[in-house]
Amino acid sequence: MLTIKSSMRMIHESDGMNQLVKQRHEYDCGVCTSAMYLAKSYEETVDLFSKTFEGDWNPNTPITHNFQLLVLLKAGEPSALVAQLNPTCPAIVATISLRHKDSGHMVYWDGHTVFDPTLGQKIDSFAMMMSCALGFTQRISDLSA
């Protein structure tokens, strides 16, 4: 595994995707962020969610953090929901939804850039992401990094 140290950030070559996976439905941000986190396609991730759910799974179904953690575990990426972000490592970030009142949203942090699957764009503002953040999902192996 190639490790590059840059601006005091350690980036692992195998950590997640650097390409945005865009939402296809109103509530599939969990699928999109899981796909980026696992470096899988949208379709592969829907299949993984279906296997975890043990049947056909509708990607437009809102998911809980516990269900997402179960999917990540099944994919071989044991992860945890943590209150403090390790900014040098990829994370799925639970945020306040700007589109749905009293609802949440998920974006992907690759260690450099925020990928928002709803907007279909990268957001370079770490401060903006942190101002809306509610919690972070990171690989257990990265929590001590």
N, C-alpha and C. Protein backbone atom coordinates (compact mmCIF):
# COMPACT_ATOMS: atom_id res chain seq x y z
N MET A 1 0.84 -1.18 0.00
CA MET A 1 0.00 0.00 0.00
C MET A 1 0.88 1.24 0.00
N LEU A 2 0.66 2.14 -0.94
CA LEU A 2 1.40 3.37 -1.05
C LEU A 2 0.85 4.38 -0.05
N THR A 3 1.73 5.00 0.70
CA THR A 3 1.33 6.05 1.64
C THR A 3 2.05 7.33 1.26
N ILE A 4 1.32 8.41 1.14
CA ILE A 4 1.89 9.71 0.78
C ILE A 4 1.63 10.67 1.92
N LYS A 5 2.69 11.34 2.39
CA LYS A 5 2.52 12.36 3.41
C LYS A 5 2.50 13.71 2.71
N SER A 6 1.44 14.46 2.93
CA SER A 6 1.29 15.76 2.27
C SER A 6 0.54 16.70 3.21
N SER A 7 1.13 17.83 3.50
CA SER A 7 0.51 18.81 4.40
C SER A 7 0.06 18.17 5.70
N MET A 8 0.89 17.30 6.25
CA MET A 8 0.63 16.61 7.50
C MET A 8 -0.59 15.68 7.43
N ARG A 9 -1.02 15.32 6.24
CA ARG A 9 -2.12 14.38 6.07
C ARG A 9 -1.54 13.10 5.49
N MET A 10 -1.96 11.97 6.01
CA MET A 10 -1.54 10.70 5.43
C MET A 10 -2.70 10.18 4.59
N ILE A 11 -2.43 9.93 3.32
CA ILE A 11 -3.45 9.44 2.41
C ILE A 11 -3.01 8.06 1.95
N HIS A 12 -3.86 7.08 2.13
CA HIS A 12 -3.58 5.72 1.71
C HIS A 12 -4.18 5.52 0.33
N GLU A 13 -3.42 4.96 -0.58
CA GLU A 13 -3.87 4.77 -1.95
C GLU A 13 -5.16 3.98 -2.03
N SER A 14 -5.36 3.03 -1.13
CA SER A 14 -6.54 2.17 -1.20
C SER A 14 -7.75 2.75 -0.49
N ASP A 15 -7.62 3.92 0.10
CA ASP A 15 -8.71 4.50 0.87
C ASP A 15 -9.73 5.22 -0.02
N GLY A 16 -10.84 4.58 -0.27
CA GLY A 16 -11.97 5.22 -0.92
C GLY A 16 -11.71 5.67 -2.34
N MET A 17 -12.71 6.31 -2.89
CA MET A 17 -12.64 6.80 -4.26
C MET A 17 -12.36 8.29 -4.26
N ASN A 18 -11.81 8.76 -5.34
CA ASN A 18 -11.67 10.19 -5.53
C ASN A 18 -12.66 10.67 -6.58
N GLN A 19 -13.66 9.85 -6.88
CA GLN A 19 -14.69 10.23 -7.83
C GLN A 19 -16.03 10.29 -7.11
N LEU A 20 -16.80 11.27 -7.48
CA LEU A 20 -18.11 11.48 -6.88
C LEU A 20 -19.11 10.45 -7.39
N VAL A 21 -19.85 9.84 -6.47
CA VAL A 21 -20.98 8.98 -6.82
C VAL A 21 -22.22 9.81 -6.54
N LYS A 22 -22.96 10.15 -7.59
CA LYS A 22 -24.12 11.04 -7.46
C LYS A 22 -25.37 10.28 -7.04
N GLN A 23 -26.22 10.97 -6.31
CA GLN A 23 -27.50 10.40 -5.91
C GLN A 23 -28.39 10.20 -7.13
N ARG A 24 -29.13 9.10 -7.11
CA ARG A 24 -30.08 8.80 -8.17
C ARG A 24 -31.52 8.89 -7.66
N HIS A 25 -31.64 8.94 -6.34
CA HIS A 25 -32.95 9.02 -5.69
C HIS A 25 -32.86 10.07 -4.59
N GLU A 26 -33.99 10.39 -4.02
CA GLU A 26 -34.03 11.43 -3.00
C GLU A 26 -33.29 11.05 -1.71
N TYR A 27 -33.33 9.76 -1.34
CA TYR A 27 -32.77 9.34 -0.05
C TYR A 27 -31.64 8.33 -0.16
N ASP A 28 -30.90 8.30 -1.25
CA ASP A 28 -29.84 7.29 -1.38
C ASP A 28 -28.43 7.83 -1.09
N CYS A 29 -28.35 8.90 -0.29
CA CYS A 29 -27.03 9.44 0.07
C CYS A 29 -26.20 8.40 0.83
N GLY A 30 -26.85 7.53 1.60
CA GLY A 30 -26.12 6.48 2.32
C GLY A 30 -25.48 5.48 1.38
N VAL A 31 -26.17 5.14 0.30
CA VAL A 31 -25.61 4.24 -0.71
C VAL A 31 -24.42 4.91 -1.39
N CYS A 32 -24.60 6.17 -1.79
CA CYS A 32 -23.55 6.89 -2.50
C CYS A 32 -22.29 7.07 -1.65
N THR A 33 -22.46 7.47 -0.40
CA THR A 33 -21.30 7.67 0.47
C THR A 33 -20.63 6.34 0.80
N SER A 34 -21.41 5.28 0.96
CA SER A 34 -20.82 3.95 1.18
C SER A 34 -20.03 3.52 -0.03
N ALA A 35 -20.54 3.79 -1.24
CA ALA A 35 -19.84 3.44 -2.47
C ALA A 35 -18.49 4.14 -2.54
N MET A 36 -18.46 5.43 -2.23
CA MET A 36 -17.20 6.17 -2.28
C MET A 36 -16.24 5.68 -1.20
N TYR A 37 -16.75 5.43 -0.02
CA TYR A 37 -15.95 4.95 1.12
C TYR A 37 -15.33 3.58 0.82
N LEU A 38 -16.09 2.72 0.15
CA LEU A 38 -15.64 1.36 -0.16
C LEU A 38 -14.94 1.25 -1.51
N ALA A 39 -14.90 2.34 -2.27
CA ALA A 39 -14.32 2.34 -3.62
C ALA A 39 -15.03 1.32 -4.51
N LYS A 40 -16.35 1.35 -4.45
CA LYS A 40 -17.19 0.47 -5.26
C LYS A 40 -18.13 1.32 -6.10
N SER A 41 -18.74 0.69 -7.10
CA SER A 41 -19.73 1.41 -7.90
C SER A 41 -21.05 1.49 -7.14
N TYR A 42 -21.91 2.34 -7.63
CA TYR A 42 -23.25 2.46 -7.05
C TYR A 42 -23.96 1.10 -7.07
N GLU A 43 -23.90 0.42 -8.22
CA GLU A 43 -24.59 -0.87 -8.38
C GLU A 43 -24.02 -1.94 -7.45
N GLU A 44 -22.70 -1.99 -7.31
CA GLU A 44 -22.09 -2.96 -6.39
C GLU A 44 -22.53 -2.69 -4.96
N THR A 45 -22.66 -1.43 -4.62
CA THR A 45 -23.04 -1.07 -3.26
C THR A 45 -24.51 -1.40 -2.99
N VAL A 46 -25.38 -1.17 -3.97
CA VAL A 46 -26.78 -1.57 -3.82
C VAL A 46 -26.87 -3.08 -3.62
N ASP A 47 -26.06 -3.84 -4.36
CA ASP A 47 -26.03 -5.30 -4.18
C ASP A 47 -25.58 -5.67 -2.77
N LEU A 48 -24.58 -4.97 -2.27
CA LEU A 48 -24.10 -5.23 -0.91
C LEU A 48 -25.18 -4.92 0.12
N PHE A 49 -25.90 -3.81 -0.05
CA PHE A 49 -27.00 -3.47 0.85
C PHE A 49 -28.08 -4.56 0.78
N SER A 50 -28.38 -5.04 -0.43
CA SER A 50 -29.40 -6.09 -0.60
C SER A 50 -28.99 -7.37 0.11
N LYS A 51 -27.71 -7.75 -0.01
CA LYS A 51 -27.22 -8.96 0.67
C LYS A 51 -27.30 -8.81 2.18
N THR A 52 -26.97 -7.63 2.67
CA THR A 52 -27.03 -7.37 4.11
C THR A 52 -28.47 -7.42 4.59
N PHE A 53 -29.37 -6.88 3.77
CA PHE A 53 -30.79 -6.85 4.10
C PHE A 53 -31.45 -8.21 3.86
N GLU A 54 -30.72 -9.10 3.17
CA GLU A 54 -31.19 -10.45 2.83
C GLU A 54 -32.42 -10.42 1.93
N GLY A 55 -32.33 -9.64 0.86
CA GLY A 55 -33.41 -9.57 -0.11
C GLY A 55 -33.30 -8.32 -0.95
N ASP A 56 -34.26 -8.12 -1.82
CA ASP A 56 -34.25 -6.90 -2.62
C ASP A 56 -34.33 -5.69 -1.72
N TRP A 57 -33.51 -4.73 -2.00
CA TRP A 57 -33.44 -3.53 -1.17
C TRP A 57 -33.64 -2.31 -2.06
N ASN A 58 -34.49 -1.41 -1.63
CA ASN A 58 -34.77 -0.20 -2.38
C ASN A 58 -33.76 0.88 -1.99
N PRO A 59 -32.90 1.32 -2.93
CA PRO A 59 -31.89 2.32 -2.58
C PRO A 59 -32.45 3.67 -2.16
N ASN A 60 -33.73 3.92 -2.39
CA ASN A 60 -34.33 5.18 -1.98
C ASN A 60 -34.85 5.12 -0.54
N THR A 61 -34.48 4.08 0.19
CA THR A 61 -34.88 3.91 1.58
C THR A 61 -33.88 4.62 2.49
N PRO A 62 -34.33 5.55 3.33
CA PRO A 62 -33.39 6.15 4.30
C PRO A 62 -32.81 5.06 5.20
N ILE A 63 -31.53 5.19 5.55
CA ILE A 63 -30.88 4.18 6.38
C ILE A 63 -30.43 4.78 7.70
N THR A 64 -30.26 3.92 8.68
CA THR A 64 -29.71 4.33 9.96
C THR A 64 -28.20 4.13 9.94
N HIS A 65 -27.51 4.77 10.87
CA HIS A 65 -26.06 4.58 10.96
C HIS A 65 -25.74 3.13 11.29
N ASN A 66 -26.53 2.50 12.14
CA ASN A 66 -26.26 1.11 12.51
C ASN A 66 -26.35 0.19 11.30
N PHE A 67 -27.33 0.43 10.41
CA PHE A 67 -27.44 -0.39 9.21
C PHE A 67 -26.24 -0.16 8.30
N GLN A 68 -25.82 1.09 8.16
CA GLN A 68 -24.66 1.38 7.33
C GLN A 68 -23.40 0.73 7.91
N LEU A 69 -23.25 0.74 9.23
CA LEU A 69 -22.10 0.09 9.86
C LEU A 69 -22.12 -1.41 9.61
N LEU A 70 -23.30 -2.01 9.62
CA LEU A 70 -23.43 -3.44 9.33
C LEU A 70 -23.01 -3.74 7.89
N VAL A 71 -23.42 -2.89 6.95
CA VAL A 71 -23.03 -3.05 5.54
C VAL A 71 -21.51 -2.94 5.40
N LEU A 72 -20.91 -1.96 6.05
CA LEU A 72 -19.46 -1.77 5.98
C LEU A 72 -18.72 -2.96 6.59
N LEU A 73 -19.23 -3.50 7.68
CA LEU A 73 -18.64 -4.68 8.29
C LEU A 73 -18.70 -5.86 7.34
N LYS A 74 -19.85 -6.06 6.72
CA LYS A 74 -20.03 -7.16 5.76
C LYS A 74 -19.09 -7.01 4.57
N ALA A 75 -18.75 -5.76 4.22
CA ALA A 75 -17.84 -5.48 3.11
C ALA A 75 -16.37 -5.62 3.52
N GLY A 76 -16.12 -5.97 4.78
CA GLY A 76 -14.75 -6.14 5.25
C GLY A 76 -14.08 -4.86 5.70
N GLU A 77 -14.87 -3.83 5.98
CA GLU A 77 -14.35 -2.55 6.44
C GLU A 77 -14.96 -2.20 7.80
N PRO A 78 -14.54 -2.90 8.87
CA PRO A 78 -15.11 -2.59 10.19
C PRO A 78 -14.92 -1.10 10.50
N SER A 79 -16.02 -0.43 10.79
CA SER A 79 -16.01 1.01 11.00
C SER A 79 -16.82 1.34 12.25
N ALA A 80 -16.71 2.57 12.68
CA ALA A 80 -17.43 3.00 13.87
C ALA A 80 -17.92 4.41 13.68
N LEU A 81 -19.04 4.72 14.30
CA LEU A 81 -19.57 6.07 14.34
C LEU A 81 -18.86 6.77 15.49
N VAL A 82 -18.13 7.84 15.18
CA VAL A 82 -17.34 8.53 16.19
C VAL A 82 -17.73 10.00 16.26
N ALA A 83 -17.49 10.61 17.40
CA ALA A 83 -17.83 12.02 17.60
C ALA A 83 -16.73 12.95 17.12
N GLN A 84 -15.50 12.46 17.06
CA GLN A 84 -14.35 13.29 16.69
C GLN A 84 -13.75 12.77 15.38
N LEU A 85 -13.71 13.58 14.36
CA LEU A 85 -13.16 13.21 13.06
C LEU A 85 -11.64 13.17 13.10
N ASN A 86 -11.06 12.10 12.56
CA ASN A 86 -9.64 12.08 12.28
C ASN A 86 -9.53 12.64 10.85
N PRO A 87 -9.16 13.90 10.67
CA PRO A 87 -9.23 14.53 9.35
C PRO A 87 -8.23 13.99 8.34
N THR A 88 -7.28 13.18 8.77
CA THR A 88 -6.31 12.63 7.83
C THR A 88 -6.82 11.38 7.12
N CYS A 89 -7.99 10.88 7.54
CA CYS A 89 -8.50 9.62 7.01
C CYS A 89 -9.91 9.80 6.43
N PRO A 90 -10.25 8.98 5.45
CA PRO A 90 -11.59 9.05 4.86
C PRO A 90 -12.69 8.82 5.90
N ALA A 91 -13.85 9.43 5.63
CA ALA A 91 -14.97 9.29 6.56
C ALA A 91 -16.29 9.52 5.82
N ILE A 92 -17.33 8.89 6.33
CA ILE A 92 -18.69 9.22 5.95
C ILE A 92 -19.17 10.18 7.02
N VAL A 93 -19.62 11.33 6.61
CA VAL A 93 -19.98 12.38 7.56
C VAL A 93 -21.49 12.56 7.57
N ALA A 94 -22.08 12.36 8.73
CA ALA A 94 -23.51 12.62 8.92
C ALA A 94 -23.67 14.11 9.16
N THR A 95 -24.54 14.73 8.38
CA THR A 95 -24.74 16.18 8.49
C THR A 95 -26.23 16.49 8.61
N ILE A 96 -26.51 17.73 8.86
CA ILE A 96 -27.89 18.23 8.83
C ILE A 96 -28.28 18.35 7.36
N SER A 97 -29.45 17.88 7.02
CA SER A 97 -29.93 18.01 5.65
C SER A 97 -30.36 19.44 5.38
N LEU A 98 -29.89 19.97 4.27
CA LEU A 98 -30.31 21.30 3.86
C LEU A 98 -31.55 21.25 2.98
N ARG A 99 -31.97 20.02 2.59
CA ARG A 99 -33.12 19.85 1.70
C ARG A 99 -34.37 19.37 2.42
N HIS A 100 -34.19 18.62 3.51
CA HIS A 100 -35.33 18.02 4.21
C HIS A 100 -35.34 18.47 5.66
N LYS A 101 -36.39 19.15 6.06
CA LYS A 101 -36.51 19.64 7.43
C LYS A 101 -36.47 18.47 8.42
N ASP A 102 -35.74 18.66 9.50
CA ASP A 102 -35.63 17.67 10.58
C ASP A 102 -35.12 16.32 10.07
N SER A 103 -34.18 16.36 9.15
CA SER A 103 -33.64 15.14 8.58
C SER A 103 -32.13 15.25 8.48
N GLY A 104 -31.50 14.12 8.23
CA GLY A 104 -30.06 14.09 8.09
C GLY A 104 -29.64 13.84 6.65
N HIS A 105 -28.35 13.91 6.43
CA HIS A 105 -27.76 13.71 5.12
C HIS A 105 -26.37 13.12 5.35
N MET A 106 -25.78 12.51 4.33
CA MET A 106 -24.43 11.99 4.44
C MET A 106 -23.59 12.51 3.28
N VAL A 107 -22.36 12.91 3.59
CA VAL A 107 -21.38 13.30 2.59
C VAL A 107 -20.13 12.47 2.83
N TYR A 108 -19.23 12.46 1.85
CA TYR A 108 -18.00 11.67 1.96
C TYR A 108 -16.80 12.61 2.04
N TRP A 109 -15.94 12.38 3.01
CA TRP A 109 -14.69 13.12 3.19
C TRP A 109 -13.54 12.18 2.82
N ASP A 110 -12.73 12.53 1.82
CA ASP A 110 -11.64 11.64 1.39
C ASP A 110 -10.30 11.98 2.03
N GLY A 111 -10.28 12.93 2.95
CA GLY A 111 -9.04 13.37 3.58
C GLY A 111 -8.59 14.71 3.03
N HIS A 112 -9.20 15.14 1.92
CA HIS A 112 -8.87 16.43 1.29
C HIS A 112 -10.11 17.23 0.92
N THR A 113 -11.13 16.52 0.41
CA THR A 113 -12.27 17.17 -0.21
C THR A 113 -13.56 16.53 0.28
N VAL A 114 -14.61 17.34 0.34
CA VAL A 114 -15.94 16.85 0.67
C VAL A 114 -16.66 16.55 -0.64
N PHE A 115 -17.24 15.35 -0.73
CA PHE A 115 -18.02 14.95 -1.89
C PHE A 115 -19.48 14.88 -1.46
N ASP A 116 -20.32 15.73 -2.02
CA ASP A 116 -21.74 15.75 -1.67
C ASP A 116 -22.52 15.08 -2.79
N PRO A 117 -23.10 13.89 -2.53
CA PRO A 117 -23.80 13.17 -3.60
C PRO A 117 -25.09 13.85 -4.05
N THR A 118 -25.70 14.68 -3.21
CA THR A 118 -26.92 15.38 -3.61
C THR A 118 -26.61 16.48 -4.61
N LEU A 119 -25.62 17.29 -4.30
CA LEU A 119 -25.28 18.41 -5.15
C LEU A 119 -24.54 17.96 -6.40
N GLY A 120 -24.01 16.73 -6.35
CA GLY A 120 -23.25 16.25 -7.49
C GLY A 120 -21.98 17.04 -7.70
N GLN A 121 -21.36 17.43 -6.58
CA GLN A 121 -20.13 18.21 -6.71
C GLN A 121 -19.23 18.02 -5.49
N LYS A 122 -17.98 18.39 -5.68
CA LYS A 122 -17.03 18.43 -4.58
C LYS A 122 -17.17 19.78 -3.91
N ILE A 123 -17.02 19.79 -2.60
CA ILE A 123 -17.06 21.03 -1.83
C ILE A 123 -15.72 21.15 -1.14
N ASP A 124 -14.97 22.16 -1.44
CA ASP A 124 -13.62 22.29 -0.88
C ASP A 124 -13.59 22.86 0.53
N SER A 125 -14.75 23.20 1.07
CA SER A 125 -14.78 23.85 2.37
C SER A 125 -14.93 22.84 3.52
N PHE A 126 -13.82 22.53 4.16
CA PHE A 126 -13.82 21.67 5.34
C PHE A 126 -14.64 22.32 6.45
N ALA A 127 -14.51 23.64 6.61
CA ALA A 127 -15.24 24.37 7.65
C ALA A 127 -16.75 24.27 7.45
N MET A 128 -17.19 24.34 6.19
CA MET A 128 -18.63 24.23 5.90
C MET A 128 -19.14 22.85 6.31
N MET A 129 -18.39 21.80 5.97
CA MET A 129 -18.79 20.45 6.34
C MET A 129 -18.86 20.31 7.86
N MET A 130 -17.85 20.81 8.54
CA MET A 130 -17.79 20.66 9.99
C MET A 130 -18.90 21.45 10.68
N SER A 131 -19.36 22.54 10.09
CA SER A 131 -20.41 23.35 10.71
C SER A 131 -21.76 22.63 10.70
N CYS A 132 -21.94 21.68 9.80
CA CYS A 132 -23.19 20.91 9.71
C CYS A 132 -23.06 19.49 10.23
N ALA A 133 -21.86 19.08 10.63
CA ALA A 133 -21.59 17.69 10.99
C ALA A 133 -22.27 17.27 12.29
N LEU A 134 -22.79 16.05 12.28
CA LEU A 134 -23.41 15.45 13.45
C LEU A 134 -22.59 14.28 13.99
N GLY A 135 -21.86 13.61 13.13
CA GLY A 135 -21.05 12.46 13.52
C GLY A 135 -20.27 11.95 12.32
N PHE A 136 -19.34 11.05 12.59
CA PHE A 136 -18.42 10.59 11.55
C PHE A 136 -18.30 9.06 11.61
N THR A 137 -18.29 8.43 10.45
CA THR A 137 -18.02 7.00 10.37
C THR A 137 -16.65 6.83 9.78
N GLN A 138 -15.76 6.17 10.53
CA GLN A 138 -14.41 5.92 10.04
C GLN A 138 -14.00 4.48 10.32
N ARG A 139 -13.03 4.00 9.52
CA ARG A 139 -12.51 2.65 9.71
C ARG A 139 -11.89 2.54 11.10
N ILE A 140 -12.17 1.47 11.77
CA ILE A 140 -11.64 1.27 13.11
C ILE A 140 -10.11 1.32 13.08
N SER A 141 -9.51 0.78 12.02
CA SER A 141 -8.05 0.79 11.90
C SER A 141 -7.48 2.20 11.77
N ASP A 142 -8.29 3.16 11.31
CA ASP A 142 -7.83 4.55 11.15
C ASP A 142 -8.01 5.40 12.40
N LEU A 143 -8.72 4.91 13.38
CA LEU A 143 -9.04 5.73 14.54
C LEU A 143 -7.83 6.04 15.41
N SER A 144 -6.82 5.21 15.34
CA SER A 144 -5.61 5.46 16.14
C SER A 144 -4.52 6.12 15.31
N ALA A 145 -4.81 6.41 14.04
CA ALA A 145 -3.79 7.00 13.15
C ALA A 145 -3.52 8.44 13.52
